[in-house]
Amino acid sequence: VVGIGYPGKADFDVAARRRDYTPGGTGAGAADGGGEADVFLDFIEGELKPLIEARYVIDRKRQALFGHSFGGLLVTHALLTRPDSFSTFIASSPSIWWREHWVVKGQPSRQGATGLPRVQISVGALEDDPPKGNYAPDVVALIRSRSMIPEARALAAQLRRLPGGESKVAYHELAGEDHGPAWLPAMSRGMQFFLEQ
């Protein structure tokens, strides 16, 4: 397991995540500091993977990419634009709403050379209506403006319609989870999903 992080003491580098995990596009918010997902994916493919392979024995045919929120958006973008880069894509609460759904509107679903890779998409069942008292009213309003569940459900359905999709795409709405903590059960299920192949 390789974790990719940023220097500093903060749990999250919000600006770096926005820059590195969001795909480009010219929709709303083009000046929002994001849009360099392809640069980040090039780094993973061209620098990070070779560095890991030089130090450890790896299986190129069994590699997974996991991400949550903006990280889930990155996973979705990689799946739709570079389906051969990993054997399994695990998108937890993907921020498909980014730039007016650019990730699904701007990119056609492509299958890799060996067909559709394995895909798990998950989202917390409470993400679009979080429990009262968990967040300030302005944060609740922001959450409600960024619909998560219908978009994740629609993406899973779209992928299941591709040849072989029914057996390669898993979708979970995680009961009792809202956006923040949904990553943990998503990762646990994702690891199980990956190891089943």
N, C-alpha and C. Protein backbone atom coordinates (compact mmCIF):
# COMPACT_ATOMS: atom_id res chain seq x y z
N VAL A 1 0.86 -1.18 0.00
CA VAL A 1 0.00 0.00 0.00
C VAL A 1 0.90 1.23 0.00
N VAL A 2 0.67 2.13 -0.92
CA VAL A 2 1.44 3.35 -1.03
C VAL A 2 0.50 4.53 -0.85
N GLY A 3 0.78 5.35 0.15
CA GLY A 3 -0.01 6.56 0.37
C GLY A 3 0.72 7.75 -0.23
N ILE A 4 -0.01 8.59 -0.92
CA ILE A 4 0.58 9.79 -1.51
C ILE A 4 0.07 10.98 -0.72
N GLY A 5 0.98 11.72 -0.12
CA GLY A 5 0.60 12.85 0.71
C GLY A 5 1.37 14.09 0.35
N TYR A 6 1.29 15.07 1.22
CA TYR A 6 1.94 16.36 1.01
C TYR A 6 2.73 16.74 2.26
N PRO A 7 3.80 17.52 2.09
CA PRO A 7 4.56 17.95 3.27
C PRO A 7 3.73 18.87 4.16
N GLY A 8 4.08 18.93 5.41
CA GLY A 8 3.37 19.78 6.36
C GLY A 8 2.68 18.95 7.42
N LYS A 9 2.12 19.63 8.41
CA LYS A 9 1.50 18.95 9.55
C LYS A 9 -0.01 18.83 9.45
N ALA A 10 -0.61 19.52 8.50
CA ALA A 10 -2.07 19.48 8.37
C ALA A 10 -2.52 18.10 7.88
N ASP A 11 -3.71 17.67 8.33
CA ASP A 11 -4.26 16.40 7.86
C ASP A 11 -4.53 16.44 6.36
N PHE A 12 -4.99 17.60 5.86
CA PHE A 12 -5.30 17.75 4.45
C PHE A 12 -4.69 19.04 3.93
N ASP A 13 -4.08 18.97 2.76
CA ASP A 13 -3.64 20.17 2.07
C ASP A 13 -4.71 20.45 1.02
N VAL A 14 -5.69 21.25 1.40
CA VAL A 14 -6.87 21.48 0.56
C VAL A 14 -6.47 22.04 -0.80
N ALA A 15 -5.57 23.03 -0.81
CA ALA A 15 -5.17 23.65 -2.08
C ALA A 15 -4.48 22.64 -3.00
N ALA A 16 -3.60 21.80 -2.43
CA ALA A 16 -2.89 20.81 -3.24
C ALA A 16 -3.85 19.74 -3.75
N ARG A 17 -4.80 19.33 -2.92
CA ARG A 17 -5.79 18.35 -3.37
C ARG A 17 -6.63 18.93 -4.51
N ARG A 18 -7.04 20.17 -4.37
CA ARG A 18 -7.83 20.83 -5.42
C ARG A 18 -7.03 20.89 -6.72
N ARG A 19 -5.75 21.23 -6.60
CA ARG A 19 -4.90 21.34 -7.79
C ARG A 19 -4.68 19.98 -8.45
N ASP A 20 -4.28 18.98 -7.66
CA ASP A 20 -3.81 17.71 -8.19
C ASP A 20 -4.91 16.70 -8.50
N TYR A 21 -6.04 16.77 -7.81
CA TYR A 21 -7.05 15.73 -7.94
C TYR A 21 -8.21 16.10 -8.85
N THR A 22 -8.23 17.30 -9.37
CA THR A 22 -9.36 17.74 -10.20
C THR A 22 -8.96 17.83 -11.66
N PRO A 23 -9.82 17.33 -12.54
CA PRO A 23 -9.50 17.40 -13.97
C PRO A 23 -9.73 18.81 -14.52
N GLY A 24 -9.19 19.03 -15.69
CA GLY A 24 -9.32 20.34 -16.34
C GLY A 24 -10.72 20.59 -16.85
N GLY A 25 -10.82 21.48 -17.77
CA GLY A 25 -12.12 21.83 -18.32
C GLY A 25 -12.32 23.33 -18.28
N THR A 26 -13.32 23.78 -18.97
CA THR A 26 -13.57 25.21 -19.06
C THR A 26 -14.91 25.59 -18.48
N GLY A 27 -15.51 24.72 -17.69
CA GLY A 27 -16.82 25.01 -17.10
C GLY A 27 -16.72 26.02 -15.97
N ALA A 28 -17.79 26.10 -15.21
CA ALA A 28 -17.82 27.04 -14.09
C ALA A 28 -16.66 26.78 -13.15
N GLY A 29 -16.05 27.83 -12.67
CA GLY A 29 -14.95 27.69 -11.72
C GLY A 29 -13.61 27.43 -12.36
N ALA A 30 -13.42 27.85 -13.62
CA ALA A 30 -12.16 27.58 -14.31
C ALA A 30 -10.98 28.25 -13.63
N ALA A 31 -11.21 29.27 -12.82
CA ALA A 31 -10.12 29.95 -12.13
C ALA A 31 -10.08 29.57 -10.65
N ASP A 32 -10.46 28.35 -10.34
CA ASP A 32 -10.60 27.92 -8.95
C ASP A 32 -9.36 27.25 -8.38
N GLY A 33 -8.29 27.24 -9.12
CA GLY A 33 -7.06 26.65 -8.62
C GLY A 33 -6.95 25.16 -8.84
N GLY A 34 -7.84 24.58 -9.60
CA GLY A 34 -7.80 23.15 -9.86
C GLY A 34 -7.43 22.85 -11.30
N GLY A 35 -7.59 21.58 -11.65
CA GLY A 35 -7.47 21.19 -13.04
C GLY A 35 -6.19 20.52 -13.47
N GLU A 36 -5.34 20.08 -12.53
CA GLU A 36 -4.08 19.48 -12.92
C GLU A 36 -4.03 17.97 -12.68
N ALA A 37 -5.18 17.31 -12.73
CA ALA A 37 -5.23 15.86 -12.50
C ALA A 37 -4.35 15.10 -13.48
N ASP A 38 -4.32 15.53 -14.73
CA ASP A 38 -3.51 14.79 -15.70
C ASP A 38 -2.02 14.91 -15.40
N VAL A 39 -1.59 16.06 -14.90
CA VAL A 39 -0.19 16.22 -14.48
C VAL A 39 0.12 15.28 -13.32
N PHE A 40 -0.80 15.19 -12.38
CA PHE A 40 -0.62 14.31 -11.22
C PHE A 40 -0.61 12.84 -11.64
N LEU A 41 -1.50 12.46 -12.55
CA LEU A 41 -1.52 11.08 -13.03
C LEU A 41 -0.26 10.75 -13.82
N ASP A 42 0.26 11.72 -14.57
CA ASP A 42 1.54 11.52 -15.26
C ASP A 42 2.67 11.27 -14.25
N PHE A 43 2.64 12.00 -13.12
CA PHE A 43 3.62 11.78 -12.06
C PHE A 43 3.51 10.35 -11.51
N ILE A 44 2.29 9.90 -11.26
CA ILE A 44 2.10 8.54 -10.74
C ILE A 44 2.64 7.51 -11.72
N GLU A 45 2.30 7.66 -12.99
CA GLU A 45 2.72 6.68 -14.01
C GLU A 45 4.21 6.78 -14.33
N GLY A 46 4.72 8.00 -14.49
CA GLY A 46 6.08 8.19 -14.98
C GLY A 46 7.17 8.23 -13.93
N GLU A 47 6.81 8.60 -12.69
CA GLU A 47 7.82 8.71 -11.64
C GLU A 47 7.57 7.77 -10.46
N LEU A 48 6.35 7.80 -9.93
CA LEU A 48 6.08 7.03 -8.71
C LEU A 48 6.09 5.52 -8.95
N LYS A 49 5.36 5.06 -9.94
CA LYS A 49 5.33 3.62 -10.20
C LYS A 49 6.73 3.06 -10.49
N PRO A 50 7.54 3.71 -11.35
CA PRO A 50 8.90 3.19 -11.56
C PRO A 50 9.75 3.19 -10.29
N LEU A 51 9.59 4.21 -9.44
CA LEU A 51 10.34 4.27 -8.19
C LEU A 51 9.96 3.09 -7.28
N ILE A 52 8.68 2.81 -7.18
CA ILE A 52 8.22 1.68 -6.35
C ILE A 52 8.71 0.36 -6.93
N GLU A 53 8.60 0.23 -8.24
CA GLU A 53 9.01 -1.01 -8.89
C GLU A 53 10.51 -1.25 -8.75
N ALA A 54 11.31 -0.19 -8.67
CA ALA A 54 12.75 -0.34 -8.50
C ALA A 54 13.11 -0.83 -7.10
N ARG A 55 12.21 -0.63 -6.14
CA ARG A 55 12.51 -0.99 -4.75
C ARG A 55 11.78 -2.25 -4.26
N TYR A 56 10.66 -2.57 -4.88
CA TYR A 56 9.83 -3.67 -4.40
C TYR A 56 9.38 -4.55 -5.57
N VAL A 57 9.07 -5.79 -5.25
CA VAL A 57 8.49 -6.68 -6.25
C VAL A 57 7.01 -6.33 -6.36
N ILE A 58 6.58 -6.00 -7.54
CA ILE A 58 5.17 -5.64 -7.75
C ILE A 58 4.60 -6.47 -8.91
N ASP A 59 3.30 -6.52 -8.98
CA ASP A 59 2.61 -7.19 -10.07
C ASP A 59 1.91 -6.11 -10.89
N ARG A 60 2.41 -5.83 -12.07
CA ARG A 60 1.84 -4.77 -12.91
C ARG A 60 0.39 -5.03 -13.29
N LYS A 61 -0.03 -6.28 -13.24
CA LYS A 61 -1.40 -6.62 -13.63
C LYS A 61 -2.37 -6.52 -12.47
N ARG A 62 -1.87 -6.24 -11.26
CA ARG A 62 -2.73 -6.13 -10.08
C ARG A 62 -2.37 -4.88 -9.29
N GLN A 63 -2.90 -3.76 -9.74
CA GLN A 63 -2.67 -2.49 -9.06
C GLN A 63 -3.99 -1.74 -8.96
N ALA A 64 -4.23 -1.14 -7.82
CA ALA A 64 -5.48 -0.41 -7.60
C ALA A 64 -5.19 1.05 -7.28
N LEU A 65 -6.13 1.90 -7.61
CA LEU A 65 -6.07 3.31 -7.25
C LEU A 65 -7.31 3.62 -6.41
N PHE A 66 -7.08 4.17 -5.21
CA PHE A 66 -8.16 4.53 -4.30
C PHE A 66 -8.10 6.02 -4.04
N GLY A 67 -9.27 6.65 -3.96
CA GLY A 67 -9.33 8.05 -3.57
C GLY A 67 -10.70 8.39 -3.04
N HIS A 68 -10.74 9.38 -2.13
CA HIS A 68 -11.99 9.81 -1.52
C HIS A 68 -12.24 11.29 -1.81
N SER A 69 -13.48 11.64 -2.11
CA SER A 69 -13.91 13.00 -2.36
C SER A 69 -13.22 13.54 -3.62
N PHE A 70 -12.35 14.55 -3.51
CA PHE A 70 -11.59 14.96 -4.70
C PHE A 70 -10.71 13.80 -5.18
N GLY A 71 -10.22 12.98 -4.24
CA GLY A 71 -9.47 11.79 -4.63
C GLY A 71 -10.33 10.81 -5.41
N GLY A 72 -11.61 10.69 -5.03
CA GLY A 72 -12.54 9.85 -5.79
C GLY A 72 -12.80 10.42 -7.17
N LEU A 73 -12.79 11.73 -7.29
CA LEU A 73 -12.91 12.38 -8.60
C LEU A 73 -11.69 12.04 -9.45
N LEU A 74 -10.50 12.09 -8.85
CA LEU A 74 -9.27 11.72 -9.57
C LEU A 74 -9.36 10.27 -10.06
N VAL A 75 -9.82 9.38 -9.20
CA VAL A 75 -9.96 7.97 -9.59
C VAL A 75 -10.93 7.86 -10.77
N THR A 76 -12.04 8.57 -10.71
CA THR A 76 -13.03 8.54 -11.79
C THR A 76 -12.41 9.05 -13.09
N HIS A 77 -11.69 10.17 -13.01
CA HIS A 77 -11.03 10.72 -14.19
C HIS A 77 -10.03 9.73 -14.77
N ALA A 78 -9.21 9.12 -13.90
CA ALA A 78 -8.24 8.13 -14.38
C ALA A 78 -8.93 6.95 -15.04
N LEU A 79 -10.00 6.48 -14.45
CA LEU A 79 -10.77 5.38 -15.02
C LEU A 79 -11.28 5.72 -16.42
N LEU A 80 -11.82 6.91 -16.59
CA LEU A 80 -12.44 7.28 -17.85
C LEU A 80 -11.44 7.69 -18.92
N THR A 81 -10.23 8.07 -18.51
CA THR A 81 -9.25 8.53 -19.50
C THR A 81 -8.05 7.61 -19.64
N ARG A 82 -7.77 6.82 -18.59
CA ARG A 82 -6.60 5.93 -18.59
C ARG A 82 -6.98 4.57 -18.01
N PRO A 83 -7.92 3.88 -18.62
CA PRO A 83 -8.43 2.64 -18.01
C PRO A 83 -7.40 1.53 -17.86
N ASP A 84 -6.29 1.61 -18.58
CA ASP A 84 -5.26 0.57 -18.46
C ASP A 84 -4.21 0.89 -17.38
N SER A 85 -4.33 2.04 -16.71
CA SER A 85 -3.31 2.43 -15.75
C SER A 85 -3.37 1.63 -14.45
N PHE A 86 -4.53 1.07 -14.12
CA PHE A 86 -4.70 0.23 -12.93
C PHE A 86 -5.66 -0.89 -13.27
N SER A 87 -5.57 -1.99 -12.53
CA SER A 87 -6.52 -3.09 -12.77
C SER A 87 -7.82 -2.87 -12.01
N THR A 88 -7.77 -2.04 -10.97
CA THR A 88 -8.95 -1.77 -10.14
C THR A 88 -8.97 -0.29 -9.78
N PHE A 89 -10.15 0.30 -9.90
CA PHE A 89 -10.36 1.70 -9.55
C PHE A 89 -11.39 1.76 -8.43
N ILE A 90 -11.05 2.40 -7.31
CA ILE A 90 -11.92 2.46 -6.14
C ILE A 90 -12.20 3.92 -5.83
N ALA A 91 -13.38 4.38 -6.23
CA ALA A 91 -13.76 5.79 -6.06
C ALA A 91 -14.72 5.91 -4.89
N SER A 92 -14.26 6.56 -3.83
CA SER A 92 -15.07 6.77 -2.64
C SER A 92 -15.61 8.20 -2.67
N SER A 93 -16.92 8.32 -2.63
CA SER A 93 -17.59 9.63 -2.61
C SER A 93 -16.99 10.58 -3.64
N PRO A 94 -16.95 10.16 -4.91
CA PRO A 94 -16.31 11.01 -5.92
C PRO A 94 -17.06 12.33 -6.11
N SER A 95 -16.31 13.41 -6.17
CA SER A 95 -16.90 14.75 -6.31
C SER A 95 -17.23 15.01 -7.78
N ILE A 96 -18.18 14.25 -8.29
CA ILE A 96 -18.56 14.34 -9.70
C ILE A 96 -19.16 15.70 -10.03
N TRP A 97 -19.67 16.40 -9.03
CA TRP A 97 -20.26 17.73 -9.23
C TRP A 97 -19.23 18.76 -9.72
N TRP A 98 -17.94 18.50 -9.56
CA TRP A 98 -16.88 19.46 -9.89
C TRP A 98 -17.05 20.01 -11.31
N ARG A 99 -16.99 21.30 -11.44
CA ARG A 99 -17.08 22.00 -12.72
C ARG A 99 -18.25 21.48 -13.57
N GLU A 100 -19.41 21.49 -12.93
CA GLU A 100 -20.66 21.11 -13.62
C GLU A 100 -20.58 19.71 -14.24
N HIS A 101 -20.04 18.76 -13.47
CA HIS A 101 -19.99 17.35 -13.87
C HIS A 101 -19.05 17.11 -15.06
N TRP A 102 -18.02 17.92 -15.16
CA TRP A 102 -17.13 17.85 -16.31
C TRP A 102 -16.52 16.45 -16.49
N VAL A 103 -16.23 15.77 -15.41
CA VAL A 103 -15.55 14.47 -15.52
C VAL A 103 -16.38 13.46 -16.31
N VAL A 104 -17.70 13.51 -16.19
CA VAL A 104 -18.54 12.57 -16.94
C VAL A 104 -19.05 13.15 -18.24
N LYS A 105 -19.15 14.46 -18.34
CA LYS A 105 -19.60 15.09 -19.59
C LYS A 105 -18.45 15.28 -20.57
N GLY A 106 -17.28 15.59 -20.04
CA GLY A 106 -16.16 15.93 -20.90
C GLY A 106 -15.37 14.75 -21.41
N GLN A 107 -15.58 13.59 -20.83
CA GLN A 107 -14.79 12.42 -21.22
C GLN A 107 -15.71 11.24 -21.53
N PRO A 108 -15.54 10.64 -22.68
CA PRO A 108 -16.31 9.42 -22.95
C PRO A 108 -15.78 8.26 -22.12
N SER A 109 -16.65 7.32 -21.80
CA SER A 109 -16.19 6.12 -21.10
C SER A 109 -15.43 5.27 -22.11
N ARG A 110 -14.20 4.97 -21.77
CA ARG A 110 -13.38 4.14 -22.65
C ARG A 110 -13.03 2.86 -21.92
N GLN A 111 -12.97 1.80 -22.68
CA GLN A 111 -12.50 0.56 -22.10
C GLN A 111 -11.02 0.42 -22.41
N GLY A 112 -10.34 -0.27 -21.55
CA GLY A 112 -8.93 -0.49 -21.77
C GLY A 112 -8.69 -1.57 -22.81
N ALA A 113 -7.42 -1.85 -23.05
CA ALA A 113 -7.05 -2.86 -24.04
C ALA A 113 -7.61 -4.22 -23.67
N THR A 114 -7.79 -4.47 -22.37
CA THR A 114 -8.32 -5.75 -21.91
C THR A 114 -9.78 -5.63 -21.47
N GLY A 115 -10.44 -4.58 -21.90
CA GLY A 115 -11.84 -4.37 -21.53
C GLY A 115 -11.96 -3.47 -20.31
N LEU A 116 -13.14 -3.45 -19.75
CA LEU A 116 -13.41 -2.62 -18.59
C LEU A 116 -12.64 -3.15 -17.38
N PRO A 117 -11.89 -2.30 -16.68
CA PRO A 117 -11.23 -2.76 -15.45
C PRO A 117 -12.27 -2.93 -14.34
N ARG A 118 -11.85 -3.45 -13.21
CA ARG A 118 -12.74 -3.58 -12.06
C ARG A 118 -12.93 -2.21 -11.43
N VAL A 119 -14.15 -1.92 -11.02
CA VAL A 119 -14.49 -0.59 -10.50
C VAL A 119 -15.39 -0.75 -9.29
N GLN A 120 -15.04 -0.05 -8.21
CA GLN A 120 -15.95 0.08 -7.07
C GLN A 120 -16.22 1.56 -6.85
N ILE A 121 -17.49 1.90 -6.80
CA ILE A 121 -17.92 3.26 -6.49
C ILE A 121 -18.75 3.18 -5.22
N SER A 122 -18.43 4.03 -4.26
CA SER A 122 -19.21 4.05 -3.02
C SER A 122 -19.48 5.48 -2.61
N VAL A 123 -20.54 5.62 -1.83
CA VAL A 123 -20.94 6.93 -1.34
C VAL A 123 -21.70 6.73 -0.04
N GLY A 124 -21.53 7.65 0.89
CA GLY A 124 -22.27 7.56 2.15
C GLY A 124 -23.75 7.81 1.93
N ALA A 125 -24.60 7.00 2.54
CA ALA A 125 -26.05 7.13 2.36
C ALA A 125 -26.60 8.44 2.91
N LEU A 126 -25.84 9.13 3.77
CA LEU A 126 -26.29 10.38 4.36
C LEU A 126 -25.60 11.60 3.74
N GLU A 127 -24.87 11.42 2.66
CA GLU A 127 -24.07 12.53 2.13
C GLU A 127 -24.89 13.71 1.65
N ASP A 128 -26.04 13.45 1.06
CA ASP A 128 -26.84 14.56 0.54
C ASP A 128 -27.76 15.17 1.59
N ASP A 129 -27.88 14.53 2.72
CA ASP A 129 -28.71 15.04 3.81
C ASP A 129 -28.06 14.64 5.14
N PRO A 130 -26.94 15.29 5.50
CA PRO A 130 -26.21 14.88 6.71
C PRO A 130 -27.02 15.11 7.97
N PRO A 131 -26.72 14.35 9.02
CA PRO A 131 -27.45 14.50 10.28
C PRO A 131 -27.37 15.93 10.81
N LYS A 132 -28.48 16.41 11.30
CA LYS A 132 -28.53 17.76 11.86
C LYS A 132 -27.60 17.86 13.06
N GLY A 133 -26.94 18.96 13.19
CA GLY A 133 -26.02 19.17 14.29
C GLY A 133 -24.58 18.81 13.99
N ASN A 134 -24.34 18.07 12.88
CA ASN A 134 -22.96 17.71 12.54
C ASN A 134 -22.19 18.85 11.90
N TYR A 135 -22.91 19.75 11.23
CA TYR A 135 -22.25 20.81 10.48
C TYR A 135 -22.97 22.14 10.70
N ALA A 136 -22.23 23.23 10.50
CA ALA A 136 -22.82 24.57 10.56
C ALA A 136 -23.79 24.74 9.39
N PRO A 137 -24.80 25.63 9.53
CA PRO A 137 -25.80 25.81 8.47
C PRO A 137 -25.20 26.14 7.11
N ASP A 138 -24.13 26.95 7.05
CA ASP A 138 -23.54 27.28 5.75
C ASP A 138 -22.89 26.06 5.11
N VAL A 139 -22.32 25.18 5.93
CA VAL A 139 -21.72 23.96 5.40
C VAL A 139 -22.81 23.01 4.91
N VAL A 140 -23.92 22.93 5.64
CA VAL A 140 -25.05 22.09 5.20
C VAL A 140 -25.56 22.58 3.85
N ALA A 141 -25.69 23.90 3.68
CA ALA A 141 -26.14 24.46 2.41
C ALA A 141 -25.17 24.10 1.28
N LEU A 142 -23.87 24.16 1.55
CA LEU A 142 -22.88 23.80 0.55
C LEU A 142 -22.99 22.32 0.19
N ILE A 143 -23.12 21.48 1.20
CA ILE A 143 -23.26 20.04 0.96
C ILE A 143 -24.47 19.76 0.07
N ARG A 144 -25.58 20.40 0.38
CA ARG A 144 -26.80 20.15 -0.40
C ARG A 144 -26.70 20.67 -1.83
N SER A 145 -25.82 21.63 -2.07
CA SER A 145 -25.65 22.15 -3.43
C SER A 145 -24.75 21.25 -4.28
N ARG A 146 -24.11 20.28 -3.64
CA ARG A 146 -23.17 19.39 -4.34
C ARG A 146 -23.65 17.96 -4.21
N SER A 147 -24.65 17.62 -4.96
CA SER A 147 -25.27 16.31 -4.89
C SER A 147 -24.24 15.21 -5.15
N MET A 148 -24.27 14.19 -4.31
CA MET A 148 -23.30 13.10 -4.41
C MET A 148 -23.93 11.77 -4.83
N ILE A 149 -25.03 11.40 -4.18
CA ILE A 149 -25.58 10.05 -4.37
C ILE A 149 -26.11 9.83 -5.79
N PRO A 150 -26.94 10.70 -6.34
CA PRO A 150 -27.44 10.43 -7.70
C PRO A 150 -26.33 10.33 -8.74
N GLU A 151 -25.29 11.16 -8.59
CA GLU A 151 -24.19 11.14 -9.55
C GLU A 151 -23.39 9.84 -9.45
N ALA A 152 -23.11 9.40 -8.23
CA ALA A 152 -22.37 8.15 -8.06
C ALA A 152 -23.19 6.96 -8.58
N ARG A 153 -24.46 6.97 -8.27
CA ARG A 153 -25.36 5.90 -8.73
C ARG A 153 -25.42 5.86 -10.26
N ALA A 154 -25.53 7.05 -10.89
CA ALA A 154 -25.62 7.13 -12.35
C ALA A 154 -24.33 6.66 -13.01
N LEU A 155 -23.19 7.03 -12.43
CA LEU A 155 -21.91 6.58 -13.00
C LEU A 155 -21.80 5.06 -12.94
N ALA A 156 -22.16 4.48 -11.80
CA ALA A 156 -22.10 3.01 -11.68
C ALA A 156 -23.02 2.36 -12.71
N ALA A 157 -24.22 2.91 -12.89
CA ALA A 157 -25.15 2.35 -13.87
C ALA A 157 -24.60 2.46 -15.29
N GLN A 158 -24.00 3.59 -15.60
CA GLN A 158 -23.40 3.80 -16.93
C GLN A 158 -22.30 2.77 -17.19
N LEU A 159 -21.45 2.54 -16.20
CA LEU A 159 -20.36 1.59 -16.37
C LEU A 159 -20.88 0.15 -16.44
N ARG A 160 -21.93 -0.14 -15.71
CA ARG A 160 -22.49 -1.50 -15.76
C ARG A 160 -23.08 -1.83 -17.13
N ARG A 161 -23.46 -0.81 -17.89
CA ARG A 161 -24.01 -1.03 -19.23
C ARG A 161 -22.93 -1.36 -20.26
N LEU A 162 -21.67 -1.13 -19.93
CA LEU A 162 -20.58 -1.47 -20.85
C LEU A 162 -20.39 -2.98 -20.88
N PRO A 163 -19.83 -3.53 -21.96
CA PRO A 163 -19.59 -4.98 -22.02
C PRO A 163 -18.78 -5.46 -20.82
N GLY A 164 -19.32 -6.45 -20.13
CA GLY A 164 -18.67 -7.01 -18.95
C GLY A 164 -18.89 -6.21 -17.69
N GLY A 165 -19.61 -5.11 -17.78
CA GLY A 165 -19.78 -4.22 -16.64
C GLY A 165 -20.52 -4.82 -15.46
N GLU A 166 -21.49 -5.65 -15.72
CA GLU A 166 -22.28 -6.23 -14.61
C GLU A 166 -21.40 -7.01 -13.64
N SER A 167 -20.37 -7.67 -14.15
CA SER A 167 -19.52 -8.47 -13.26
C SER A 167 -18.30 -7.71 -12.74
N LYS A 168 -18.04 -6.51 -13.28
CA LYS A 168 -16.82 -5.79 -12.89
C LYS A 168 -17.08 -4.51 -12.11
N VAL A 169 -18.33 -4.09 -11.97
CA VAL A 169 -18.63 -2.83 -11.30
C VAL A 169 -19.42 -3.11 -10.02
N ALA A 170 -18.89 -2.64 -8.90
CA ALA A 170 -19.58 -2.74 -7.61
C ALA A 170 -19.98 -1.34 -7.17
N TYR A 171 -21.16 -1.23 -6.60
CA TYR A 171 -21.65 0.07 -6.11
C TYR A 171 -22.19 -0.12 -4.71
N HIS A 172 -21.81 0.79 -3.79
CA HIS A 172 -22.28 0.71 -2.41
C HIS A 172 -22.75 2.08 -1.93
N GLU A 173 -23.94 2.11 -1.35
CA GLU A 173 -24.37 3.26 -0.56
C GLU A 173 -24.20 2.84 0.89
N LEU A 174 -23.28 3.49 1.56
CA LEU A 174 -22.85 3.06 2.89
C LEU A 174 -23.80 3.60 3.96
N ALA A 175 -24.58 2.71 4.53
CA ALA A 175 -25.60 3.08 5.51
C ALA A 175 -24.98 3.80 6.70
N GLY A 176 -25.63 4.88 7.12
CA GLY A 176 -25.21 5.61 8.31
C GLY A 176 -24.00 6.50 8.14
N GLU A 177 -23.47 6.62 6.93
CA GLU A 177 -22.24 7.39 6.72
C GLU A 177 -22.53 8.68 5.95
N ASP A 178 -21.91 9.78 6.40
CA ASP A 178 -21.94 10.99 5.59
C ASP A 178 -20.56 11.17 4.97
N HIS A 179 -20.30 12.31 4.36
CA HIS A 179 -19.14 12.45 3.49
C HIS A 179 -17.80 12.21 4.20
N GLY A 180 -17.59 12.85 5.32
CA GLY A 180 -16.28 12.77 5.97
C GLY A 180 -15.84 11.36 6.30
N PRO A 181 -16.61 10.61 7.08
CA PRO A 181 -16.14 9.29 7.50
C PRO A 181 -16.39 8.15 6.51
N ALA A 182 -17.02 8.43 5.38
CA ALA A 182 -17.36 7.36 4.43
C ALA A 182 -16.12 6.69 3.84
N TRP A 183 -14.97 7.37 3.89
CA TRP A 183 -13.77 6.81 3.28
C TRP A 183 -13.33 5.50 3.93
N LEU A 184 -13.57 5.37 5.24
CA LEU A 184 -13.05 4.19 5.94
C LEU A 184 -13.76 2.90 5.51
N PRO A 185 -15.10 2.83 5.55
CA PRO A 185 -15.73 1.60 5.04
C PRO A 185 -15.53 1.44 3.54
N ALA A 186 -15.40 2.56 2.81
CA ALA A 186 -15.16 2.45 1.37
C ALA A 186 -13.80 1.81 1.11
N MET A 187 -12.80 2.19 1.89
CA MET A 187 -11.47 1.59 1.71
C MET A 187 -11.48 0.11 2.11
N SER A 188 -12.15 -0.20 3.21
CA SER A 188 -12.22 -1.58 3.66
C SER A 188 -12.88 -2.47 2.60
N ARG A 189 -14.01 -2.01 2.08
CA ARG A 189 -14.68 -2.79 1.02
C ARG A 189 -13.85 -2.80 -0.25
N GLY A 190 -13.18 -1.68 -0.52
CA GLY A 190 -12.35 -1.60 -1.71
C GLY A 190 -11.18 -2.57 -1.67
N MET A 191 -10.54 -2.73 -0.52
CA MET A 191 -9.45 -3.68 -0.38
C MET A 191 -9.95 -5.11 -0.60
N GLN A 192 -11.12 -5.40 -0.03
CA GLN A 192 -11.70 -6.72 -0.23
C GLN A 192 -12.02 -6.95 -1.70
N PHE A 193 -12.61 -5.95 -2.35
CA PHE A 193 -12.94 -6.02 -3.77
C PHE A 193 -11.68 -6.24 -4.61
N PHE A 194 -10.62 -5.52 -4.29
CA PHE A 194 -9.36 -5.66 -5.02
C PHE A 194 -8.77 -7.04 -4.85
N LEU A 195 -8.77 -7.56 -3.62
CA LEU A 195 -8.15 -8.85 -3.35
C LEU A 195 -8.95 -10.02 -3.91
N GLU A 196 -10.21 -9.81 -4.23
CA GLU A 196 -11.04 -10.88 -4.80
C GLU A 196 -10.67 -11.21 -6.24
N GLN A 197 -9.99 -10.31 -6.95
CA GLN A 197 -9.73 -10.55 -8.37
C GLN A 197 -8.75 -11.69 -8.56
